[in-house]
């Protein structure tokens, strides 16, 4: 599915990179830690930028949290999207992350703006 998303973004004229975001925190023992989380795609075209995660399926809340982890740690106002294989309605959650199906992503020309 990642290849499909990558090819579609390139065909729409976007330059596409893999993103990395650092997550810092403190564990239960008070020790500080630093993790690097990967963002599947950072798509740029002119002044537009989209952060896109590809998730085959998000059947549980745990999986949803895992897929969102890298996106919620990006500290800018560009759009953040999760593309899933399942047929779902386009939704935006309390963190401002849009979830859409691969079908909406591929078949709607303005899918990144939904």
PDB file of N, CA and C in Angstrom:
ATOM      1  N   UNK A   1       0.824  -1.192   0.000  1.00  0.00           N
ATOM      2  CA  UNK A   1       0.000   0.000   0.000  1.00  0.00           C
ATOM      3  C   UNK A   1       0.873   1.263   0.000  1.00  0.00           C
ATOM      4  N   UNK A   2       2.032   1.199   0.660  1.00  0.00           N
ATOM      5  CA  UNK A   2       2.913   2.367   0.678  1.00  0.00           C
ATOM      6  C   UNK A   2       3.402   2.722  -0.723  1.00  0.00           C
ATOM      7  N   UNK A   3       3.683   1.714  -1.536  1.00  0.00           N
ATOM      8  CA  UNK A   3       4.108   1.993  -2.912  1.00  0.00           C
ATOM      9  C   UNK A   3       3.019   2.695  -3.699  1.00  0.00           C
ATOM     10  N   UNK A   4       1.785   2.290  -3.498  1.00  0.00           N
ATOM     11  CA  UNK A   4       0.654   2.915  -4.192  1.00  0.00           C
ATOM     12  C   UNK A   4       0.544   4.382  -3.795  1.00  0.00           C
ATOM     13  N   UNK A   5       0.633   4.656  -2.503  1.00  0.00           N
ATOM     14  CA  UNK A   5       0.533   6.040  -2.015  1.00  0.00           C
ATOM     15  C   UNK A   5       1.693   6.868  -2.562  1.00  0.00           C
ATOM     16  N   UNK A   6       2.897   6.323  -2.502  1.00  0.00           N
ATOM     17  CA  UNK A   6       4.065   7.039  -3.007  1.00  0.00           C
ATOM     18  C   UNK A   6       3.895   7.372  -4.491  1.00  0.00           C
ATOM     19  N   UNK A   7       3.524   6.384  -5.288  1.00  0.00           N
ATOM     20  CA  UNK A   7       3.364   6.608  -6.731  1.00  0.00           C
ATOM     21  C   UNK A   7       2.283   7.638  -7.028  1.00  0.00           C
ATOM     22  N   UNK A   8       1.194   7.611  -6.270  1.00  0.00           N
ATOM     23  CA  UNK A   8       0.119   8.584  -6.484  1.00  0.00           C
ATOM     24  C   UNK A   8       0.597   9.996  -6.142  1.00  0.00           C
ATOM     25  N   UNK A   9       1.302  10.141  -5.047  1.00  0.00           N
ATOM     26  CA  UNK A   9       1.827  11.462  -4.681  1.00  0.00           C
ATOM     27  C   UNK A   9       2.790  11.986  -5.743  1.00  0.00           C
ATOM     28  N   UNK A  10       3.662  11.126  -6.241  1.00  0.00           N
ATOM     29  CA  UNK A  10       4.604  11.547  -7.287  1.00  0.00           C
ATOM     30  C   UNK A  10       3.867  11.923  -8.575  1.00  0.00           C
ATOM     31  N   UNK A  11       2.817  11.154  -8.912  1.00  0.00           N
ATOM     32  CA  UNK A  11       2.072  11.469 -10.137  1.00  0.00           C
ATOM     33  C   UNK A  11       1.324  12.792 -10.012  1.00  0.00           C
ATOM     34  N   UNK A  12       1.021  13.206  -8.789  1.00  0.00           N
ATOM     35  CA  UNK A  12       0.371  14.499  -8.555  1.00  0.00           C
ATOM     36  C   UNK A  12       1.380  15.643  -8.475  1.00  0.00           C
ATOM     37  N   UNK A  13       2.660  15.325  -8.628  1.00  0.00           N
ATOM     38  CA  UNK A  13       3.687  16.348  -8.684  1.00  0.00           C
ATOM     39  C   UNK A  13       4.395  16.646  -7.373  1.00  0.00           C
ATOM     40  N   UNK A  14       4.102  15.923  -6.319  1.00  0.00           N
ATOM     41  CA  UNK A  14       4.723  16.169  -5.025  1.00  0.00           C
ATOM     42  C   UNK A  14       6.126  15.584  -4.965  1.00  0.00           C
ATOM     43  N   UNK A  15       7.009  16.276  -4.269  1.00  0.00           N
ATOM     44  CA  UNK A  15       8.272  15.652  -3.893  1.00  0.00           C
ATOM     45  C   UNK A  15       7.979  14.928  -2.579  1.00  0.00           C
ATOM     46  N   UNK A  16       8.505  13.721  -2.435  1.00  0.00           N
ATOM     47  CA  UNK A  16       8.135  12.871  -1.309  1.00  0.00           C
ATOM     48  C   UNK A  16       9.384  12.414  -0.571  1.00  0.00           C
ATOM     49  N   UNK A  17       9.364  12.588   0.735  1.00  0.00           N
ATOM     50  CA  UNK A  17      10.459  12.152   1.595  1.00  0.00           C
ATOM     51  C   UNK A  17       9.886  11.354   2.761  1.00  0.00           C
ATOM     52  N   UNK A  18      10.771  10.667   3.464  1.00  0.00           N
ATOM     53  CA  UNK A  18      10.411  10.021   4.721  1.00  0.00           C
ATOM     54  C   UNK A  18      10.743  11.016   5.825  1.00  0.00           C
ATOM     55  N   UNK A  19       9.864  11.127   6.807  1.00  0.00           N
ATOM     56  CA  UNK A  19      10.097  12.064   7.891  1.00  0.00           C
ATOM     57  C   UNK A  19      10.476  11.363   9.178  1.00  0.00           C
ATOM     58  N   UNK A  20      11.214  12.076  10.011  1.00  0.00           N
ATOM     59  CA  UNK A  20      11.572  11.577  11.340  1.00  0.00           C
ATOM     60  C   UNK A  20      11.286  12.694  12.331  1.00  0.00           C
ATOM     61  N   UNK A  21      10.616  12.331  13.417  1.00  0.00           N
ATOM     62  CA  UNK A  21      10.318  13.300  14.463  1.00  0.00           C
ATOM     63  C   UNK A  21      10.793  12.729  15.791  1.00  0.00           C
ATOM     64  N   UNK A  22      11.368  13.590  16.629  1.00  0.00           N
ATOM     65  CA  UNK A  22      11.843  13.146  17.934  1.00  0.00           C
ATOM     66  C   UNK A  22      10.753  13.305  18.978  1.00  0.00           C
ATOM     67  N   UNK A  23      10.642  12.305  19.825  1.00  0.00           N
ATOM     68  CA  UNK A  23       9.713  12.367  20.948  1.00  0.00           C
ATOM     69  C   UNK A  23      10.548  12.285  22.215  1.00  0.00           C
ATOM     70  N   UNK A  24      10.415  13.290  23.056  1.00  0.00           N
ATOM     71  CA  UNK A  24      11.148  13.316  24.316  1.00  0.00           C
ATOM     72  C   UNK A  24      10.168  13.175  25.463  1.00  0.00           C
ATOM     73  N   UNK A  25      10.644  12.568  26.532  1.00  0.00           N
ATOM     74  CA  UNK A  25       9.790  12.397  27.692  1.00  0.00           C
ATOM     75  C   UNK A  25      10.580  11.889  28.877  1.00  0.00           C
ATOM     76  N   UNK A  26       9.845  11.557  29.924  1.00  0.00           N
ATOM     77  CA  UNK A  26      10.435  11.021  31.142  1.00  0.00           C
ATOM     78  C   UNK A  26       9.726   9.727  31.476  1.00  0.00           C
ATOM     79  N   UNK A  27      10.505   8.681  31.766  1.00  0.00           N
ATOM     80  CA  UNK A  27       9.886   7.400  32.108  1.00  0.00           C
ATOM     81  C   UNK A  27       9.447   7.380  33.570  1.00  0.00           C
ATOM     82  N   UNK A  28       8.901   6.249  34.016  1.00  0.00           N
ATOM     83  CA  UNK A  28       8.365   6.143  35.372  1.00  0.00           C
ATOM     84  C   UNK A  28       9.433   6.263  36.453  1.00  0.00           C
ATOM     85  N   UNK A  29      10.705   6.099  36.093  1.00  0.00           N
ATOM     86  CA  UNK A  29      11.802   6.235  37.047  1.00  0.00           C
ATOM     87  C   UNK A  29      12.408   7.632  37.053  1.00  0.00           C
ATOM     88  N   UNK A  30      11.825   8.540  36.267  1.00  0.00           N
ATOM     89  CA  UNK A  30      12.321   9.906  36.212  1.00  0.00           C
ATOM     90  C   UNK A  30      13.466  10.107  35.244  1.00  0.00           C
ATOM     91  N   UNK A  31      13.816   9.067  34.513  1.00  0.00           N
ATOM     92  CA  UNK A  31      14.906   9.166  33.542  1.00  0.00           C
ATOM     93  C   UNK A  31      14.362   9.695  32.221  1.00  0.00           C
ATOM     94  N   UNK A  32      15.077  10.655  31.656  1.00  0.00           N
ATOM     95  CA  UNK A  32      14.645  11.228  30.379  1.00  0.00           C
ATOM     96  C   UNK A  32      14.984  10.272  29.238  1.00  0.00           C
ATOM     97  N   UNK A  33      14.113  10.268  28.216  1.00  0.00           N
ATOM     98  CA  UNK A  33      14.367   9.432  27.048  1.00  0.00           C
ATOM     99  C   UNK A  33      14.060  10.226  25.790  1.00  0.00           C
ATOM    100  N   UNK A  34      14.597   9.722  24.686  1.00  0.00           N
ATOM    101  CA  UNK A  34      14.389  10.361  23.381  1.00  0.00           C
ATOM    102  C   UNK A  34      14.171   9.242  22.367  1.00  0.00           C
ATOM    103  N   UNK A  35      13.033   9.270  21.686  1.00  0.00           N
ATOM    104  CA  UNK A  35      12.719   8.291  20.644  1.00  0.00           C
ATOM    105  C   UNK A  35      12.617   8.998  19.305  1.00  0.00           C
ATOM    106  N   UNK A  36      12.978   8.288  18.248  1.00  0.00           N
ATOM    107  CA  UNK A  36      12.759   8.803  16.909  1.00  0.00           C
ATOM    108  C   UNK A  36      11.608   8.025  16.288  1.00  0.00           C
ATOM    109  N   UNK A  37      10.605   8.752  15.833  1.00  0.00           N
ATOM    110  CA  UNK A  37       9.438   8.146  15.196  1.00  0.00           C
ATOM    111  C   UNK A  37       9.439   8.497  13.721  1.00  0.00           C
ATOM    112  N   UNK A  38       9.066   7.532  12.890  1.00  0.00           N
ATOM    113  CA  UNK A  38       9.085   7.735  11.442  1.00  0.00           C
ATOM    114  C   UNK A  38       7.712   8.131  10.934  1.00  0.00           C
ATOM    115  N   UNK A  39       7.715   9.079  10.018  1.00  0.00           N
ATOM    116  CA  UNK A  39       6.516   9.450   9.273  1.00  0.00           C
ATOM    117  C   UNK A  39       6.701   8.872   7.883  1.00  0.00           C
ATOM    118  N   UNK A  40       5.722   8.084   7.413  1.00  0.00           N
ATOM    119  CA  UNK A  40       5.878   7.375   6.147  1.00  0.00           C
ATOM    120  C   UNK A  40       6.180   8.309   4.986  1.00  0.00           C
ATOM    121  N   UNK A  41       5.422   9.408   4.878  1.00  0.00           N
ATOM    122  CA  UNK A  41       5.595  10.329   3.752  1.00  0.00           C
ATOM    123  C   UNK A  41       5.476  11.771   4.207  1.00  0.00           C
ATOM    124  N   UNK A  42       6.398  12.601   3.730  1.00  0.00           N
ATOM    125  CA  UNK A  42       6.273  14.049   3.836  1.00  0.00           C
ATOM    126  C   UNK A  42       6.214  14.522   2.397  1.00  0.00           C
ATOM    127  N   UNK A  43       5.027  14.971   1.984  1.00  0.00           N
ATOM    128  CA  UNK A  43       4.803  15.367   0.590  1.00  0.00           C
ATOM    129  C   UNK A  43       4.807  16.885   0.490  1.00  0.00           C
ATOM    130  N   UNK A  44       5.631  17.424  -0.398  1.00  0.00           N
ATOM    131  CA  UNK A  44       5.761  18.868  -0.574  1.00  0.00           C
ATOM    132  C   UNK A  44       5.487  19.249  -2.024  1.00  0.00           C
ATOM    133  N   UNK A  45       4.737  20.341  -2.178  1.00  0.00           N
ATOM    134  CA  UNK A  45       4.491  20.927  -3.495  1.00  0.00           C
ATOM    135  C   UNK A  45       4.310  22.418  -3.282  1.00  0.00           C
ATOM    136  N   UNK A  46       5.320  23.194  -3.676  1.00  0.00           N
ATOM    137  CA  UNK A  46       5.261  24.629  -3.435  1.00  0.00           C
ATOM    138  C   UNK A  46       5.192  24.897  -1.934  1.00  0.00           C
ATOM    139  N   UNK A  47       4.179  25.655  -1.509  1.00  0.00           N
ATOM    140  CA  UNK A  47       4.032  25.971  -0.082  1.00  0.00           C
ATOM    141  C   UNK A  47       3.162  24.960   0.660  1.00  0.00           C
ATOM    142  N   UNK A  48       2.734  23.906  -0.030  1.00  0.00           N
ATOM    143  CA  UNK A  48       1.902  22.882   0.604  1.00  0.00           C
ATOM    144  C   UNK A  48       2.781  21.752   1.136  1.00  0.00           C
ATOM    145  N   UNK A  49       2.407  21.253   2.298  1.00  0.00           N
ATOM    146  CA  UNK A  49       3.096  20.107   2.888  1.00  0.00           C
ATOM    147  C   UNK A  49       2.056  19.232   3.583  1.00  0.00           C
ATOM    148  N   UNK A  50       2.203  17.929   3.409  1.00  0.00           N
ATOM    149  CA  UNK A  50       1.316  16.960   4.043  1.00  0.00           C
ATOM    150  C   UNK A  50       2.163  15.880   4.696  1.00  0.00           C
ATOM    151  N   UNK A  51       1.777  15.506   5.916  1.00  0.00           N
ATOM    152  CA  UNK A  51       2.398  14.380   6.603  1.00  0.00           C
ATOM    153  C   UNK A  51       1.424  13.223   6.495  1.00  0.00           C
ATOM    154  N   UNK A  52       1.873  12.101   5.937  1.00  0.00           N
ATOM    155  CA  UNK A  52       0.960  10.998   5.638  1.00  0.00           C
ATOM    156  C   UNK A  52       1.501   9.697   6.230  1.00  0.00           C
ATOM    157  N   UNK A  53       0.636   9.016   6.972  1.00  0.00           N
ATOM    158  CA  UNK A  53       0.928   7.679   7.490  1.00  0.00           C
ATOM    159  C   UNK A  53       0.090   6.681   6.707  1.00  0.00           C
ATOM    160  N   UNK A  54       0.681   5.556   6.377  1.00  0.00           N
ATOM    161  CA  UNK A  54      -0.032   4.464   5.739  1.00  0.00           C
ATOM    162  C   UNK A  54      -0.274   3.395   6.785  1.00  0.00           C
ATOM    163  N   UNK A  55      -1.536   3.027   6.983  1.00  0.00           N
ATOM    164  CA  UNK A  55      -1.884   1.992   7.958  1.00  0.00           C
ATOM    165  C   UNK A  55      -2.823   1.011   7.277  1.00  0.00           C
ATOM    166  N   UNK A  56      -2.382  -0.223   7.154  1.00  0.00           N
ATOM    167  CA  UNK A  56      -3.214  -1.223   6.487  1.00  0.00           C
ATOM    168  C   UNK A  56      -4.571  -1.331   7.180  1.00  0.00           C
ATOM    169  N   UNK A  57      -4.549  -1.334   8.501  1.00  0.00           N
ATOM    170  CA  UNK A  57      -5.783  -1.446   9.272  1.00  0.00           C
ATOM    171  C   UNK A  57      -5.549  -0.862  10.658  1.00  0.00           C
ATOM    172  N   UNK A  58      -6.589  -0.304  11.265  1.00  0.00           N
ATOM    173  CA  UNK A  58      -6.507   0.207  12.634  1.00  0.00           C
ATOM    174  C   UNK A  58      -7.683  -0.352  13.435  1.00  0.00           C
ATOM    175  N   UNK A  59      -7.660  -1.659  13.717  1.00  0.00           N
ATOM    176  CA  UNK A  59      -8.808  -2.298  14.362  1.00  0.00           C
ATOM    177  C   UNK A  59      -8.960  -1.983  15.851  1.00  0.00           C
ATOM    178  N   UNK A  60      -7.868  -1.585  16.500  1.00  0.00           N
ATOM    179  CA  UNK A  60      -7.931  -1.335  17.940  1.00  0.00           C
ATOM    180  C   UNK A  60      -7.466   0.079  18.269  1.00  0.00           C
ATOM    181  N   UNK A  61      -7.820   0.532  19.455  1.00  0.00           N
ATOM    182  CA  UNK A  61      -7.377   1.844  19.916  1.00  0.00           C
ATOM    183  C   UNK A  61      -5.856   1.873  20.059  1.00  0.00           C
ATOM    184  N   UNK A  62      -5.258   0.766  20.467  1.00  0.00           N
ATOM    185  CA  UNK A  62      -3.805   0.677  20.600  1.00  0.00           C
ATOM    186  C   UNK A  62      -3.117   0.909  19.254  1.00  0.00           C
ATOM    187  N   UNK A  63      -3.635   0.312  18.202  1.00  0.00           N
ATOM    188  CA  UNK A  63      -3.073   0.489  16.859  1.00  0.00           C
ATOM    189  C   UNK A  63      -3.263   1.929  16.385  1.00  0.00           C
ATOM    190  N   UNK A  64      -4.406   2.514  16.688  1.00  0.00           N
ATOM    191  CA  UNK A  64      -4.683   3.906  16.310  1.00  0.00           C
ATOM    192  C   UNK A  64      -3.677   4.843  16.993  1.00  0.00           C
ATOM    193  N   UNK A  65      -3.411   4.613  18.268  1.00  0.00           N
ATOM    194  CA  UNK A  65      -2.447   5.430  19.006  1.00  0.00           C
ATOM    195  C   UNK A  65      -1.053   5.264  18.406  1.00  0.00           C
ATOM    196  N   UNK A  66      -0.694   4.042  18.057  1.00  0.00           N
ATOM    197  CA  UNK A  66       0.613   3.766  17.452  1.00  0.00           C
ATOM    198  C   UNK A  66       0.781   4.524  16.130  1.00  0.00           C
ATOM    199  N   UNK A  67      -0.236   4.486  15.289  1.00  0.00           N
ATOM    200  CA  UNK A  67      -0.141   5.148  13.978  1.00  0.00           C
ATOM    201  C   UNK A  67      -0.116   6.674  14.116  1.00  0.00           C
ATOM    202  N   UNK A  68      -0.802   7.204  15.122  1.00  0.00           N
ATOM    203  CA  UNK A  68      -0.856   8.653  15.320  1.00  0.00           C
ATOM    204  C   UNK A  68       0.371   9.216  16.021  1.00  0.00           C
ATOM    205  N   UNK A  69       1.144   8.357  16.693  1.00  0.00           N
ATOM    206  CA  UNK A  69       2.231   8.821  17.560  1.00  0.00           C
ATOM    207  C   UNK A  69       3.189   9.779  16.859  1.00  0.00           C
ATOM    208  N   UNK A  70       3.625   9.444  15.673  1.00  0.00           N
ATOM    209  CA  UNK A  70       4.578  10.321  14.991  1.00  0.00           C
ATOM    210  C   UNK A  70       3.915  11.618  14.544  1.00  0.00           C
ATOM    211  N   UNK A  71       2.662  11.547  14.138  1.00  0.00           N
ATOM    212  CA  UNK A  71       1.982  12.746  13.642  1.00  0.00           C
ATOM    213  C   UNK A  71       1.688  13.756  14.746  1.00  0.00           C
ATOM    214  N   UNK A  72       1.300  13.292  15.921  1.00  0.00           N
ATOM    215  CA  UNK A  72       0.965  14.234  17.005  1.00  0.00           C
ATOM    216  C   UNK A  72       2.214  14.918  17.551  1.00  0.00           C
ATOM    217  N   UNK A  73       3.391  14.401  17.244  1.00  0.00           N
ATOM    218  CA  UNK A  73       4.631  15.025  17.713  1.00  0.00           C
ATOM    219  C   UNK A  73       5.236  15.997  16.707  1.00  0.00           C
ATOM    220  N   UNK A  74       4.560  16.224  15.588  1.00  0.00           N
ATOM    221  CA  UNK A  74       5.008  17.230  14.625  1.00  0.00           C
ATOM    222  C   UNK A  74       4.457  18.569  15.090  1.00  0.00           C
ATOM    223  N   UNK A  75       5.351  19.529  15.273  1.00  0.00           N
ATOM    224  CA  UNK A  75       4.939  20.817  15.838  1.00  0.00           C
ATOM    225  C   UNK A  75       4.795  21.904  14.779  1.00  0.00           C
ATOM    226  N   UNK A  76       3.998  21.644  13.767  1.00  0.00           N
ATOM    227  CA  UNK A  76       3.645  22.698  12.823  1.00  0.00           C
ATOM    228  C   UNK A  76       2.182  22.526  12.433  1.00  0.00           C
ATOM    229  N   UNK A  77       1.700  23.400  11.587  1.00  0.00           N
ATOM    230  CA  UNK A  77       0.264  23.402  11.289  1.00  0.00           C
ATOM    231  C   UNK A  77      -0.091  22.762   9.950  1.00  0.00           C
ATOM    232  N   UNK A  78       0.851  22.052   9.326  1.00  0.00           N
ATOM    233  CA  UNK A  78       0.533  21.391   8.074  1.00  0.00           C
ATOM    234  C   UNK A  78      -0.363  20.183   8.332  1.00  0.00           C
ATOM    235  N   UNK A  79      -1.096  19.780   7.305  1.00  0.00           N
ATOM    236  CA  UNK A  79      -2.088  18.718   7.435  1.00  0.00           C
ATOM    237  C   UNK A  79      -1.447  17.356   7.670  1.00  0.00           C
ATOM    238  N   UNK A  80      -2.080  16.604   8.561  1.00  0.00           N
ATOM    239  CA  UNK A  80      -1.615  15.264   8.914  1.00  0.00           C
ATOM    240  C   UNK A  80      -2.711  14.265   8.567  1.00  0.00           C
ATOM    241  N   UNK A  81      -2.342  13.203   7.826  1.00  0.00           N
ATOM    242  CA  UNK A  81      -3.322  12.271   7.269  1.00  0.00           C
ATOM    243  C   UNK A  81      -2.883  10.835   7.526  1.00  0.00           C
ATOM    244  N   UNK A  82      -3.859   9.988   7.863  1.00  0.00           N
ATOM    245  CA  UNK A  82      -3.632   8.544   7.925  1.00  0.00           C
ATOM    246  C   UNK A  82      -4.485   7.914   6.830  1.00  0.00           C
ATOM    247  N   UNK A  83      -3.863   7.125   5.961  1.00  0.00           N
ATOM    248  CA  UNK A  83      -4.568   6.432   4.882  1.00  0.00           C
ATOM    249  C   UNK A  83      -4.658   4.956   5.254  1.00  0.00           C
ATOM    250  N   UNK A  84      -5.893   4.426   5.261  1.00  0.00           N
ATOM    251  CA  UNK A  84      -6.117   3.023   5.631  1.00  0.00           C
ATOM    252  C   UNK A  84      -6.730   2.254   4.464  1.00  0.00           C
ATOM    253  N   UNK A  85      -6.562   0.930   4.487  1.00  0.00           N
ATOM    254  CA  UNK A  85      -7.127   0.074   3.444  1.00  0.00           C
ATOM    255  C   UNK A  85      -8.643  -0.034   3.568  1.00  0.00           C
ATOM    256  N   UNK A  86      -9.136   0.006   4.793  1.00  0.00           N
ATOM    257  CA  UNK A  86     -10.561  -0.175   5.047  1.00  0.00           C
ATOM    258  C   UNK A  86     -11.391   0.948   4.436  1.00  0.00           C
ATOM    259  N   UNK A  87     -12.626   0.628   4.112  1.00  0.00           N
ATOM    260  CA  UNK A  87     -13.558   1.646   3.627  1.00  0.00           C
ATOM    261  C   UNK A  87     -14.109   2.373   4.851  1.00  0.00           C
ATOM    262  N   UNK A  88     -13.710   3.633   5.012  1.00  0.00           N
ATOM    263  CA  UNK A  88     -14.146   4.455   6.132  1.00  0.00           C
ATOM    264  C   UNK A  88     -14.551   5.827   5.619  1.00  0.00           C
ATOM    265  N   UNK A  89     -15.392   6.496   6.377  1.00  0.00           N
ATOM    266  CA  UNK A  89     -15.704   7.885   6.075  1.00  0.00           C
ATOM    267  C   UNK A  89     -14.503   8.740   6.434  1.00  0.00           C
ATOM    268  N   UNK A  90     -14.307   9.814   5.700  1.00  0.00           N
ATOM    269  CA  UNK A  90     -13.225  10.740   6.013  1.00  0.00           C
ATOM    270  C   UNK A  90     -13.568  11.409   7.337  1.00  0.00           C
ATOM    271  N   UNK A  91     -12.661  11.295   8.307  1.00  0.00           N
ATOM    272  CA  UNK A  91     -12.894  11.893   9.628  1.00  0.00           C
ATOM    273  C   UNK A  91     -11.668  12.682  10.060  1.00  0.00           C
ATOM    274  N   UNK A  92     -11.909  13.638  10.943  1.00  0.00           N
ATOM    275  CA  UNK A  92     -10.823  14.404  11.560  1.00  0.00           C
ATOM    276  C   UNK A  92     -11.008  14.304  13.062  1.00  0.00           C
ATOM    277  N   UNK A  93      -9.947  13.911  13.774  1.00  0.00           N
ATOM    278  CA  UNK A  93     -10.065  13.702  15.211  1.00  0.00           C
ATOM    279  C   UNK A  93      -9.679  14.952  16.001  1.00  0.00           C
ATOM    280  N   UNK A  94      -9.672  14.829  17.327  1.00  0.00           N
ATOM    281  CA  UNK A  94      -9.394  15.969  18.206  1.00  0.00           C
ATOM    282  C   UNK A  94      -7.961  16.477  18.085  1.00  0.00           C
ATOM    283  N   UNK A  95      -7.060  15.683  17.516  1.00  0.00           N
ATOM    284  CA  UNK A  95      -5.685  16.116  17.288  1.00  0.00           C
ATOM    285  C   UNK A  95      -5.506  16.751  15.912  1.00  0.00           C
ATOM    286  N   UNK A  96      -6.582  16.850  15.145  1.00  0.00           N
ATOM    287  CA  UNK A  96      -6.521  17.439  13.814  1.00  0.00           C
ATOM    288  C   UNK A  96      -6.010  16.491  12.752  1.00  0.00           C
ATOM    289  N   UNK A  97      -5.976  15.196  13.044  1.00  0.00           N
ATOM    290  CA  UNK A  97      -5.475  14.205  12.090  1.00  0.00           C
ATOM    291  C   UNK A  97      -6.645  13.640  11.302  1.00  0.00           C
ATOM    292  N   UNK A  98      -6.518  13.676   9.985  1.00  0.00           N
ATOM    293  CA  UNK A  98      -7.550  13.172   9.089  1.00  0.00           C
ATOM    294  C   UNK A  98      -7.282  11.700   8.794  1.00  0.00           C
ATOM    295  N   UNK A  99      -8.333  10.889   8.841  1.00  0.00           N
ATOM    296  CA  UNK A  99      -8.241   9.484   8.452  1.00  0.00           C
ATOM    297  C   UNK A  99      -9.127   9.279   7.236  1.00  0.00           C
ATOM    298  N   UNK A 100      -8.584   8.627   6.202  1.00  0.00           N
ATOM    299  CA  UNK A 100      -9.354   8.361   4.985  1.00  0.00           C
ATOM    300  C   UNK A 100      -8.965   7.005   4.424  1.00  0.00           C
ATOM    301  N   UNK A 101      -9.838   6.471   3.590  1.00  0.00           N
ATOM    302  CA  UNK A 101      -9.551   5.184   2.952  1.00  0.00           C
ATOM    303  C   UNK A 101      -8.636   5.400   1.747  1.00  0.00           C
ATOM    304  N   UNK A 102      -7.961   4.333   1.366  1.00  0.00           N
ATOM    305  CA  UNK A 102      -7.102   4.383   0.191  1.00  0.00           C
ATOM    306  C   UNK A 102      -7.920   4.722  -1.052  1.00  0.00           C
ATOM    307  N   UNK A 103      -9.184   4.314  -1.052  1.00  0.00           N
ATOM    308  CA  UNK A 103     -10.057   4.575  -2.203  1.00  0.00           C
ATOM    309  C   UNK A 103     -10.346   6.064  -2.345  1.00  0.00           C
ATOM    310  N   UNK A 104     -10.653   6.740  -1.231  1.00  0.00           N
ATOM    311  CA  UNK A 104     -10.847   8.186  -1.283  1.00  0.00           C
ATOM    312  C   UNK A 104      -9.563   8.882  -1.714  1.00  0.00           C
ATOM    313  N   UNK A 105      -8.451   8.424  -1.164  1.00  0.00           N
ATOM    314  CA  UNK A 105      -7.160   9.026  -1.494  1.00  0.00           C
ATOM    315  C   UNK A 105      -6.870   8.936  -2.990  1.00  0.00           C
ATOM    316  N   UNK A 106      -7.127   7.779  -3.587  1.00  0.00           N
ATOM    317  CA  UNK A 106      -6.799   7.571  -4.993  1.00  0.00           C
ATOM    318  C   UNK A 106      -7.824   8.169  -5.954  1.00  0.00           C
ATOM    319  N   UNK A 107      -9.094   8.088  -5.613  1.00  0.00           N
ATOM    320  CA  UNK A 107     -10.144   8.426  -6.573  1.00  0.00           C
ATOM    321  C   UNK A 107     -10.600   9.873  -6.536  1.00  0.00           C
ATOM    322  N   UNK A 108     -10.305  10.577  -5.477  1.00  0.00           N
ATOM    323  CA  UNK A 108     -10.725  11.986  -5.385  1.00  0.00           C
ATOM    324  C   UNK A 108      -9.498  12.870  -5.625  1.00  0.00           C
ATOM    325  N   UNK A 109      -9.596  13.675  -6.666  1.00  0.00           N
ATOM    326  CA  UNK A 109      -8.476  14.500  -7.064  1.00  0.00           C
ATOM    327  C   UNK A 109      -8.004  15.428  -5.957  1.00  0.00           C
ATOM    328  N   UNK A 110      -8.926  15.924  -5.145  1.00  0.00           N
ATOM    329  CA  UNK A 110      -8.590  16.841  -4.064  1.00  0.00           C
ATOM    330  C   UNK A 110      -8.552  16.147  -2.706  1.00  0.00           C
ATOM    331  N   UNK A 111      -8.246  14.851  -2.675  1.00  0.00           N
ATOM    332  CA  UNK A 111      -8.326  14.054  -1.458  1.00  0.00           C
ATOM    333  C   UNK A 111      -7.488  14.605  -0.309  1.00  0.00           C
ATOM    334  N   UNK A 112      -6.372  15.230  -0.606  1.00  0.00           N
ATOM    335  CA  UNK A 112      -5.524  15.751   0.466  1.00  0.00           C
ATOM    336  C   UNK A 112      -6.147  16.976   1.144  1.00  0.00           C
ATOM    337  N   UNK A 113      -7.134  17.569   0.508  1.00  0.00           N
ATOM    338  CA  UNK A 113      -7.804  18.732   1.073  1.00  0.00           C
ATOM    339  C   UNK A 113      -9.094  18.393   1.798  1.00  0.00           C
ATOM    340  N   UNK A 114      -9.488  17.111   1.815  1.00  0.00           N
ATOM    341  CA  UNK A 114     -10.742  16.721   2.475  1.00  0.00           C
ATOM    342  C   UNK A 114     -10.667  16.902   3.954  1.00  0.00           C
TER     343      UNK A 114
END
